[in-house]
N, C-alpha and C. Protein backbone atom coordinates (compact mmCIF):
# COMPACT_ATOMS: atom_id res chain seq x y z
N MET A 1 0.71 -1.06 0.01
CA MET A 1 -0.06 0.15 0.06
C MET A 1 0.86 1.14 -0.02
N PRO A 2 0.28 2.30 -0.59
CA PRO A 2 1.27 3.76 -0.50
C PRO A 2 1.47 3.88 0.92
N ARG A 3 2.59 4.60 1.09
CA ARG A 3 2.86 5.27 2.59
C ARG A 3 1.90 6.36 2.86
N ALA A 4 1.43 7.15 1.87
CA ALA A 4 0.07 8.30 1.99
C ALA A 4 -1.02 7.24 2.78
N LEU A 5 -0.99 6.26 1.88
CA LEU A 5 -2.77 5.66 2.66
C LEU A 5 -2.63 5.04 4.01
N VAL A 6 -1.33 4.26 4.49
CA VAL A 6 -0.46 4.09 5.40
C VAL A 6 -0.77 5.07 6.47
N ALA A 7 -0.15 6.02 6.19
CA ALA A 7 -0.10 7.42 7.26
C ALA A 7 -1.48 7.91 7.56
N PHE A 8 -2.31 7.98 6.35
CA PHE A 8 -3.42 8.04 6.02
C PHE A 8 -4.50 7.15 7.69
N VAL A 9 -4.53 6.13 7.70
CA VAL A 9 -4.96 5.45 8.43
C VAL A 9 -4.36 5.48 9.44
N ARG A 10 -3.28 5.65 9.99
CA ARG A 10 -2.64 5.55 11.19
C ARG A 10 -3.16 6.82 11.81
N LEU A 11 -3.03 7.74 10.95
CA LEU A 11 -3.58 9.32 11.80
C LEU A 11 -4.82 9.28 12.32
N VAL A 12 -5.69 8.74 11.29
CA VAL A 12 -7.03 8.47 11.61
C VAL A 12 -7.29 7.77 12.90
N ASP A 13 -6.71 6.47 12.85
CA ASP A 13 -6.65 5.85 14.09
C ASP A 13 -6.84 6.48 14.93
N ARG A 14 -5.37 7.00 15.23
CA ARG A 14 -4.97 7.74 16.44
C ARG A 14 -5.75 9.06 16.97
N LEU A 15 -6.35 9.80 15.88
CA LEU A 15 -7.27 10.73 16.10
C LEU A 15 -8.04 10.64 17.04
N ASN A 16 -8.91 9.29 16.32
CA ASN A 16 -10.65 9.03 16.60
C ASN A 16 -9.98 7.92 17.83
N TYR A 17 -9.20 7.60 18.51
CA TYR A 17 -8.41 6.83 19.37
C TYR A 17 -8.81 7.65 20.91
N GLY A 18 -7.72 9.02 20.44
CA GLY A 18 -7.64 10.03 21.64
C GLY A 18 -9.15 10.70 22.10
N ILE A 19 -9.71 10.87 20.83
CA ILE A 19 -11.34 11.67 20.70
C ILE A 19 -12.42 10.89 21.61
N GLY A 20 -12.11 9.42 21.06
CA GLY A 20 -12.73 8.48 21.83
C GLY A 20 -12.67 8.35 23.06
N ARG A 21 -11.13 8.16 23.67
CA ARG A 21 -10.87 7.91 25.04
C ARG A 21 -11.45 9.21 25.72
N PHE A 22 -11.54 10.62 25.27
CA PHE A 22 -11.79 11.37 25.87
C PHE A 22 -13.67 11.45 25.73
N ALA A 23 -14.17 10.77 24.88
CA ALA A 23 -15.76 11.03 24.79
C ALA A 23 -15.92 9.82 26.01
N MET A 24 -15.12 9.03 26.24
CA MET A 24 -15.67 8.06 27.00
C MET A 24 -15.98 8.82 28.51
N TYR A 25 -15.36 9.62 29.21
CA TYR A 25 -15.02 10.39 30.27
C TYR A 25 -16.74 11.49 30.11
N LEU A 26 -16.62 11.91 29.36
CA LEU A 26 -18.12 12.55 29.23
C LEU A 26 -19.58 11.52 29.85
N LEU A 27 -19.21 10.53 29.74
CA LEU A 27 -20.17 9.70 30.74
C LEU A 27 -20.60 10.15 32.17
N PHE A 28 -19.09 10.18 32.96
CA PHE A 28 -18.93 11.06 34.24
C PHE A 28 -19.90 12.59 34.56
N VAL A 29 -19.17 12.66 33.21
CA VAL A 29 -19.89 14.49 33.06
C VAL A 29 -21.61 14.36 33.73
N LEU A 30 -22.12 13.23 32.16
CA LEU A 30 -23.57 13.27 32.36
C LEU A 30 -23.89 13.14 33.83
N MET A 31 -23.30 12.02 34.20
CA MET A 31 -23.35 11.52 35.51
C MET A 31 -23.80 12.59 36.50
N GLY A 32 -22.88 13.53 36.38
CA GLY A 32 -22.61 14.67 37.43
C GLY A 32 -23.90 15.54 37.22
N VAL A 33 -24.20 16.12 36.24
CA VAL A 33 -25.03 16.53 35.55
C VAL A 33 -27.01 16.47 36.61
N LEU A 34 -26.66 14.95 36.05
CA LEU A 34 -27.95 14.04 36.34
C LEU A 34 -28.41 13.76 38.15
N LEU A 35 -27.18 13.85 38.36
CA LEU A 35 -26.71 14.14 39.95
C LEU A 35 -27.33 15.26 40.83
N TRP A 36 -26.52 15.95 39.88
CA TRP A 36 -27.05 17.56 40.54
C TRP A 36 -28.06 17.94 40.20
N SER A 37 -28.72 17.41 39.03
CA SER A 37 -30.42 17.50 38.83
C SER A 37 -31.13 16.92 39.90
N SER A 38 -31.03 15.87 40.41
CA SER A 38 -31.56 15.03 41.49
C SER A 38 -31.47 15.86 42.79
N VAL A 39 -30.27 16.49 43.06
CA VAL A 39 -29.98 17.00 44.16
C VAL A 39 -30.56 18.34 44.52
N SER A 40 -31.01 19.40 43.14
CA SER A 40 -31.25 20.57 43.38
C SER A 40 -32.85 20.30 43.93
N LYS A 41 -33.37 19.14 42.85
CA LYS A 41 -34.96 18.98 43.14
C LYS A 41 -35.32 18.66 44.10
N VAL A 42 -34.29 18.04 45.14
CA VAL A 42 -34.85 17.64 46.29
C VAL A 42 -34.69 18.97 47.52
N PHE A 43 -33.35 19.35 47.13
CA PHE A 43 -32.98 20.32 48.54
C PHE A 43 -33.18 21.92 47.89
N PHE A 44 -33.10 22.42 47.05
CA PHE A 44 -32.99 23.47 46.42
C PHE A 44 -34.25 23.60 45.33
N ASN A 45 -34.17 24.65 44.61
CA ASN A 45 -34.96 25.38 43.42
C ASN A 45 -34.15 24.63 42.22
N PRO A 46 -35.62 23.47 41.31
CA PRO A 46 -35.06 22.66 40.44
C PRO A 46 -33.88 23.64 39.17
N SER A 47 -32.99 23.26 39.02
CA SER A 47 -32.39 23.86 37.95
C SER A 47 -32.83 23.65 36.63
N LEU A 48 -32.59 24.76 35.73
CA LEU A 48 -33.24 24.93 34.12
C LEU A 48 -32.44 24.09 33.39
N TRP A 49 -31.30 24.35 33.74
CA TRP A 49 -30.24 24.12 32.70
C TRP A 49 -30.17 22.53 32.41
N THR A 50 -30.58 21.76 33.49
CA THR A 50 -29.64 20.37 33.85
C THR A 50 -30.42 19.36 32.61
N LEU A 51 -31.44 19.19 31.96
CA LEU A 51 -32.03 18.59 30.80
C LEU A 51 -31.36 18.67 29.72
N GLU A 52 -31.14 20.17 29.50
CA GLU A 52 -30.67 19.92 28.10
C GLU A 52 -29.47 19.82 28.02
N MET A 53 -28.29 20.18 29.24
CA MET A 53 -27.53 19.91 29.26
C MET A 53 -27.28 18.48 29.30
N ALA A 54 -27.93 17.62 29.74
CA ALA A 54 -27.66 16.47 29.67
C ALA A 54 -27.84 15.90 28.34
N GLN A 55 -28.98 16.22 27.89
CA GLN A 55 -28.88 16.05 26.16
C GLN A 55 -27.74 16.33 25.57
N PHE A 56 -27.18 17.28 25.60
CA PHE A 56 -25.91 18.05 25.16
C PHE A 56 -25.08 17.03 25.38
N VAL A 57 -24.72 16.84 26.35
CA VAL A 57 -23.42 15.97 26.65
C VAL A 57 -23.96 14.37 26.08
N MET A 58 -25.03 14.04 26.67
CA MET A 58 -25.56 12.81 25.80
C MET A 58 -25.32 12.51 23.83
N VAL A 59 -25.64 13.77 23.82
CA VAL A 59 -25.09 14.07 21.97
C VAL A 59 -23.65 14.10 21.88
N ALA A 60 -22.83 14.20 22.72
CA ALA A 60 -21.02 14.83 21.99
C ALA A 60 -20.77 13.25 22.72
N TYR A 61 -21.33 12.43 23.92
CA TYR A 61 -20.71 11.50 23.86
C TYR A 61 -21.11 10.07 22.98
N PHE A 62 -22.32 10.38 22.58
CA PHE A 62 -22.73 9.45 21.28
C PHE A 62 -21.94 9.59 19.99
N ILE A 63 -21.77 10.60 19.86
CA ILE A 63 -21.34 11.01 18.47
C ILE A 63 -19.98 11.22 18.38
N LEU A 64 -19.03 11.42 19.34
CA LEU A 64 -17.82 11.53 19.13
C LEU A 64 -17.16 10.00 19.48
N GLY A 65 -17.95 9.24 20.08
CA GLY A 65 -18.06 8.14 20.63
C GLY A 65 -18.01 6.96 19.15
N GLY A 66 -18.75 7.25 18.18
CA GLY A 66 -19.10 6.76 17.52
C GLY A 66 -17.83 6.12 16.56
N PRO A 67 -17.09 6.76 16.24
CA PRO A 67 -15.87 6.54 15.40
C PRO A 67 -15.07 5.61 16.34
N TYR A 68 -14.80 5.92 17.46
CA TYR A 68 -14.13 5.07 18.02
C TYR A 68 -14.44 3.63 18.44
N SER A 69 -15.78 3.56 18.33
CA SER A 69 -16.62 2.32 18.81
C SER A 69 -16.51 1.56 17.21
N LEU A 70 -16.47 2.31 16.24
CA LEU A 70 -16.20 1.75 14.75
C LEU A 70 -14.68 1.34 14.66
N GLN A 71 -14.05 1.99 14.86
CA GLN A 71 -12.62 1.51 15.22
C GLN A 71 -12.03 0.46 15.92
N MET A 72 -12.63 -0.18 16.96
CA MET A 72 -12.70 -1.21 18.05
C MET A 72 -13.35 -2.21 17.93
N GLY A 73 -14.30 -2.05 16.51
CA GLY A 73 -15.31 -2.98 16.17
C GLY A 73 -16.14 -3.53 17.70
N SER A 74 -16.85 -2.50 18.00
CA SER A 74 -17.75 -2.73 19.00
C SER A 74 -19.04 -2.58 18.74
N HIS A 75 -19.26 -2.13 17.60
CA HIS A 75 -20.47 -1.83 17.30
C HIS A 75 -21.17 -3.21 16.95
N VAL A 76 -22.49 -2.94 16.80
CA VAL A 76 -23.75 -4.16 17.27
C VAL A 76 -23.64 -4.35 15.60
N ARG A 77 -23.73 -5.75 15.45
CA ARG A 77 -23.44 -6.31 14.12
C ARG A 77 -24.37 -7.80 13.96
N MET A 78 -24.96 -8.04 13.15
CA MET A 78 -25.12 -9.07 12.62
C MET A 78 -24.74 -10.03 12.04
N ASP A 79 -24.31 -11.05 13.29
CA ASP A 79 -22.95 -11.82 12.95
C ASP A 79 -23.49 -13.55 12.33
N LEU A 80 -24.59 -13.38 11.87
CA LEU A 80 -25.43 -14.85 11.62
C LEU A 80 -24.37 -15.32 10.59
N LEU A 81 -24.02 -14.75 9.25
CA LEU A 81 -23.63 -15.56 8.04
C LEU A 81 -22.12 -14.95 8.36
N TYR A 82 -21.94 -13.94 8.65
CA TYR A 82 -20.73 -13.11 8.46
C TYR A 82 -19.45 -13.78 9.90
N ALA A 83 -19.79 -14.21 10.79
CA ALA A 83 -18.79 -14.42 11.62
C ALA A 83 -18.47 -16.06 11.13
N ASP A 84 -18.86 -16.89 9.94
CA ASP A 84 -18.20 -17.83 9.98
C ASP A 84 -16.73 -17.64 8.35
N TRP A 85 -17.48 -16.33 7.92
CA TRP A 85 -16.81 -16.31 6.89
C TRP A 85 -15.50 -15.96 6.42
N PRO A 86 -14.50 -16.54 5.48
CA PRO A 86 -13.02 -16.20 5.69
C PRO A 86 -12.89 -14.73 5.51
N LEU A 87 -11.80 -14.31 5.95
CA LEU A 87 -10.99 -12.99 5.93
C LEU A 87 -11.45 -12.21 5.02
N ARG A 88 -11.06 -12.74 3.79
CA ARG A 88 -11.21 -12.29 2.37
C ARG A 88 -12.69 -11.87 2.33
N LYS A 89 -13.54 -12.83 2.36
CA LYS A 89 -14.90 -12.53 1.81
C LYS A 89 -15.32 -11.72 2.81
N LYS A 90 -14.96 -11.77 3.97
CA LYS A 90 -15.25 -10.37 5.14
C LYS A 90 -15.00 -9.35 4.63
N SER A 91 -13.89 -9.25 3.99
CA SER A 91 -13.02 -7.89 3.22
C SER A 91 -14.00 -7.23 2.12
N TRP A 92 -14.22 -8.23 1.44
CA TRP A 92 -14.99 -7.94 0.01
C TRP A 92 -16.42 -7.41 0.75
N TRP A 93 -17.08 -8.19 1.27
CA TRP A 93 -18.24 -7.25 1.85
C TRP A 93 -18.23 -6.00 2.44
N ASP A 94 -17.45 -5.71 3.52
CA ASP A 94 -17.08 -4.53 4.59
C ASP A 94 -16.55 -3.25 3.45
N ALA A 95 -15.67 -3.83 1.88
CA ALA A 95 -15.45 -3.09 1.35
C ALA A 95 -16.76 -2.44 1.01
N ILE A 96 -17.70 -3.20 -0.11
CA ILE A 96 -18.76 -2.83 -0.41
C ILE A 96 -19.96 -2.31 0.63
N THR A 97 -20.41 -2.58 1.62
CA THR A 97 -21.02 -2.11 2.39
C THR A 97 -20.77 -0.59 2.96
N ILE A 98 -19.00 -0.53 3.14
CA ILE A 98 -18.76 1.03 3.59
C ILE A 98 -19.37 2.10 3.14
N PHE A 99 -19.30 1.59 1.59
CA PHE A 99 -19.68 2.95 0.72
C PHE A 99 -20.96 3.52 1.14
N ALA A 100 -21.98 2.34 1.50
CA ALA A 100 -23.37 2.50 1.69
C ALA A 100 -23.33 3.75 3.05
N VAL A 101 -22.55 2.99 4.04
CA VAL A 101 -22.16 4.12 5.45
C VAL A 101 -21.97 5.32 4.76
N ILE A 102 -20.45 5.45 4.10
CA ILE A 102 -20.33 6.73 3.81
C ILE A 102 -21.34 7.60 3.20
N LEU A 103 -22.02 6.86 2.44
CA LEU A 103 -23.15 7.53 1.48
C LEU A 103 -24.18 8.12 2.71
N TYR A 104 -24.33 7.45 3.26
CA TYR A 104 -25.59 7.85 4.83
C TYR A 104 -24.92 9.21 5.17
N LEU A 105 -23.61 9.15 5.97
CA LEU A 105 -22.63 9.90 6.57
C LEU A 105 -23.00 11.11 6.06
N GLY A 106 -22.67 11.13 4.47
CA GLY A 106 -22.29 12.15 3.69
C GLY A 106 -23.83 13.19 3.80
N VAL A 107 -24.83 12.28 3.35
CA VAL A 107 -26.34 13.06 3.83
C VAL A 107 -26.55 13.56 5.12
N MET A 108 -26.00 12.82 5.98
CA MET A 108 -25.89 13.29 7.63
C MET A 108 -25.15 14.45 7.51
N LEU A 109 -23.83 14.70 7.27
CA LEU A 109 -23.04 15.73 7.70
C LEU A 109 -24.02 16.90 6.64
N TRP A 110 -24.05 16.65 5.63
CA TRP A 110 -24.49 17.72 4.97
C TRP A 110 -26.04 18.49 5.72
N GLY A 111 -26.60 17.94 5.94
CA GLY A 111 -27.59 18.29 6.71
C GLY A 111 -27.66 19.04 8.02
N ALA A 112 -26.73 18.38 8.78
CA ALA A 112 -25.86 19.00 10.03
C ALA A 112 -24.81 20.04 9.54
N VAL A 113 -24.44 20.71 8.71
CA VAL A 113 -23.72 21.62 8.69
C VAL A 113 -24.81 22.46 7.90
N ASP A 114 -25.87 22.30 7.10
CA ASP A 114 -26.45 23.26 6.60
C ASP A 114 -27.53 23.71 7.89
N SER A 115 -27.72 22.51 8.84
CA SER A 115 -28.68 23.33 10.09
C SER A 115 -27.51 23.94 11.01
N THR A 116 -26.22 23.85 11.09
CA THR A 116 -25.12 24.31 11.71
C THR A 116 -24.84 25.77 11.43
N LEU A 117 -25.01 26.14 9.67
CA LEU A 117 -24.55 27.50 9.21
C LEU A 117 -25.93 28.03 9.74
N TYR A 118 -27.20 27.87 9.88
CA TYR A 118 -28.53 28.77 9.79
C TYR A 118 -28.29 29.18 11.39
N SER A 119 -28.00 27.97 11.95
CA SER A 119 -27.95 28.17 14.05
C SER A 119 -26.84 29.30 13.98
N LEU A 120 -25.93 29.40 13.59
CA LEU A 120 -24.56 30.52 13.41
C LEU A 120 -25.33 31.90 12.91
N GLN A 121 -25.72 32.00 11.69
CA GLN A 121 -26.32 32.91 10.90
C GLN A 121 -27.29 33.60 12.05
N TYR A 122 -28.07 32.81 12.32
CA TYR A 122 -29.32 33.37 13.15
C TYR A 122 -29.18 33.12 14.68
N ASN A 123 -28.35 32.75 15.55
CA ASN A 123 -28.13 32.57 16.52
C ASN A 123 -28.98 32.37 17.38
N GLU A 124 -29.41 30.74 16.58
CA GLU A 124 -30.66 30.35 17.26
C GLU A 124 -30.52 29.55 18.56
N ARG A 125 -31.37 29.57 18.95
CA ARG A 125 -31.26 29.44 20.64
C ARG A 125 -32.52 27.91 20.84
N SER A 126 -32.02 27.63 22.10
CA SER A 126 -33.25 26.66 22.18
C SER A 126 -34.61 27.20 22.52
N PRO A 127 -36.17 26.87 22.61
CA PRO A 127 -37.07 27.82 22.55
C PRO A 127 -37.33 26.90 24.45
N THR A 128 -36.74 26.84 25.23
CA THR A 128 -37.03 26.46 26.68
C THR A 128 -36.77 27.80 27.49
N ALA A 129 -36.67 27.48 28.84
CA ALA A 129 -36.59 28.32 29.56
C ALA A 129 -35.06 28.60 29.68
N TRP A 130 -34.36 28.01 29.75
CA TRP A 130 -32.77 27.94 29.73
C TRP A 130 -32.15 29.27 28.50
N ARG A 131 -32.82 28.44 27.15
CA ARG A 131 -32.40 29.44 25.83
C ARG A 131 -30.83 29.40 25.88
N PRO A 132 -30.15 27.90 25.60
CA PRO A 132 -29.02 27.84 25.32
C PRO A 132 -28.89 28.27 23.72
N TYR A 133 -27.74 28.55 23.38
CA TYR A 133 -27.27 28.55 21.85
C TYR A 133 -27.25 27.09 21.74
N LEU A 134 -27.84 27.19 20.28
CA LEU A 134 -27.70 25.55 19.69
C LEU A 134 -26.53 25.07 18.99
N TRP A 135 -25.55 26.46 18.23
CA TRP A 135 -24.46 25.99 17.31
C TRP A 135 -23.09 25.08 18.25
N PRO A 136 -23.29 25.37 19.46
CA PRO A 136 -22.05 24.53 20.03
C PRO A 136 -22.23 23.11 19.92
N ILE A 137 -23.46 22.60 20.01
CA ILE A 137 -23.82 21.37 19.62
C ILE A 137 -23.87 20.76 18.53
N LYS A 138 -24.08 21.63 17.53
CA LYS A 138 -24.13 21.08 16.30
C LYS A 138 -23.09 21.35 15.58
N ILE A 139 -21.90 22.21 15.83
CA ILE A 139 -20.31 22.07 15.51
C ILE A 139 -20.00 20.59 16.29
N VAL A 140 -20.44 20.02 17.09
CA VAL A 140 -19.98 18.59 17.65
C VAL A 140 -20.50 17.92 16.59
N MET A 141 -21.70 17.93 16.34
CA MET A 141 -22.22 16.84 15.43
C MET A 141 -21.67 16.85 14.27
N CYS A 142 -21.19 17.73 13.66
CA CYS A 142 -20.66 18.06 12.24
C CYS A 142 -19.21 17.43 12.26
N ALA A 143 -18.70 17.48 13.35
CA ALA A 143 -17.16 16.81 13.43
C ALA A 143 -17.35 15.53 13.82
N GLY A 144 -18.46 14.97 14.78
CA GLY A 144 -18.34 13.66 14.50
C GLY A 144 -18.32 12.80 13.17
N PHE A 145 -19.48 13.59 12.55
CA PHE A 145 -19.95 12.97 11.39
C PHE A 145 -18.47 13.00 10.68
N VAL A 146 -17.30 13.95 10.45
CA VAL A 146 -16.85 14.19 9.77
C VAL A 146 -15.42 12.92 9.98
N LEU A 147 -15.28 12.77 11.71
CA LEU A 147 -14.54 11.81 12.16
C LEU A 147 -14.84 10.47 12.02
N MET A 148 -16.15 10.13 12.09
CA MET A 148 -17.11 8.96 11.10
C MET A 148 -16.85 8.74 9.83
N ILE A 149 -16.44 9.86 8.69
CA ILE A 149 -16.28 9.47 7.63
C ILE A 149 -14.78 9.13 7.19
N LEU A 150 -14.07 9.72 8.16
CA LEU A 150 -12.74 9.47 8.21
C LEU A 150 -12.45 8.17 8.28
N GLN A 151 -12.89 7.48 9.50
CA GLN A 151 -12.57 6.37 10.22
C GLN A 151 -13.41 5.45 8.85
N CYS A 152 -14.36 5.66 8.17
CA CYS A 152 -15.07 4.47 7.14
C CYS A 152 -13.58 4.94 6.07
N LEU A 153 -13.21 5.58 5.82
CA LEU A 153 -12.16 5.39 4.49
C LEU A 153 -11.14 4.75 5.03
N ALA A 154 -10.85 5.03 6.45
CA ALA A 154 -9.57 4.47 7.01
C ALA A 154 -10.38 2.48 6.82
N ILE A 155 -11.61 2.35 7.33
CA ILE A 155 -11.38 0.62 7.60
C ILE A 155 -11.54 0.27 5.86
N LEU A 156 -12.12 1.48 5.00
CA LEU A 156 -12.22 0.95 3.26
C LEU A 156 -10.52 0.56 2.91
N VAL A 157 -9.54 1.43 3.07
CA VAL A 157 -8.14 1.35 2.87
C VAL A 157 -7.50 -0.40 3.55
N ARG A 158 -8.30 -0.22 4.82
CA ARG A 158 -7.81 -1.64 5.27
C ARG A 158 -8.35 -2.91 4.85
N ASP A 159 -9.55 -2.69 4.16
CA ASP A 159 -10.32 -3.52 3.53
C ASP A 159 -9.45 -3.85 2.18
N ILE A 160 -9.03 -2.51 1.51
CA ILE A 160 -8.27 -3.09 0.18
C ILE A 160 -7.18 -3.47 0.40
N ALA A 161 -6.82 -3.30 1.44
CA ALA A 161 -5.11 -3.84 1.36
C ALA A 161 -5.28 -5.23 2.08
N THR A 162 -6.19 -5.91 2.57
CA THR A 162 -6.69 -7.19 3.08
C THR A 162 -6.62 -7.74 1.31
N LEU A 163 -7.62 -7.07 0.90
CA LEU A 163 -7.90 -7.90 -0.48
C LEU A 163 -6.65 -8.21 -1.27
N ARG A 164 -5.80 -6.94 -0.93
CA ARG A 164 -4.48 -7.22 -1.87
C ARG A 164 -3.25 -8.14 -1.28
N GLY A 165 -3.60 -8.65 0.06
CA GLY A 165 -3.12 -9.53 0.68
C GLY A 165 -1.91 -8.88 1.64
N LYS A 166 -2.17 -7.59 1.69
CA LYS A 166 -0.99 -6.59 2.98
C LYS A 166 -1.60 -6.54 4.10
N THR A 167 -1.43 -6.02 5.16
CA THR A 167 -1.98 -5.69 6.43
C THR A 167 -1.34 -4.21 6.57
N ILE A 168 -2.38 -3.32 7.41
CA ILE A 168 -1.66 -2.18 7.89
C ILE A 168 -2.27 -2.18 9.31
């Protein structure tokens, strides 16, 4: 395989590994927000910001952790037939299906970028009592889709290398 492709795969893997490890700790942030929500409802006045903040943290956890999950192979997969196939046949099917995933993610990214630009242009805010700006979480969503597309491309390069009898 060309050195540039090997370097690309390694860069994407390192980037998504680091961001994925960071995203794992967002679960503790989520638990802290929800704990504060419970405590404030019992002992103080309920906080207005906790529900939406929990939703934003959960979105960031999910979106930024997705590429890491794909990289580690820990996503849900239907292995009825696939598990018994030889590595070469798995690589063929992975290479074919990754195009569908990239197409889907491309459409999602297109919509996310459009929504983010709208949000930035009009200073879009949530229609709740807390009224946070929505552009920060929309930027996180766009970044997550880009990272997922990059990880899919890295997987595609790996599959092609496997089909050529090489490993990355």
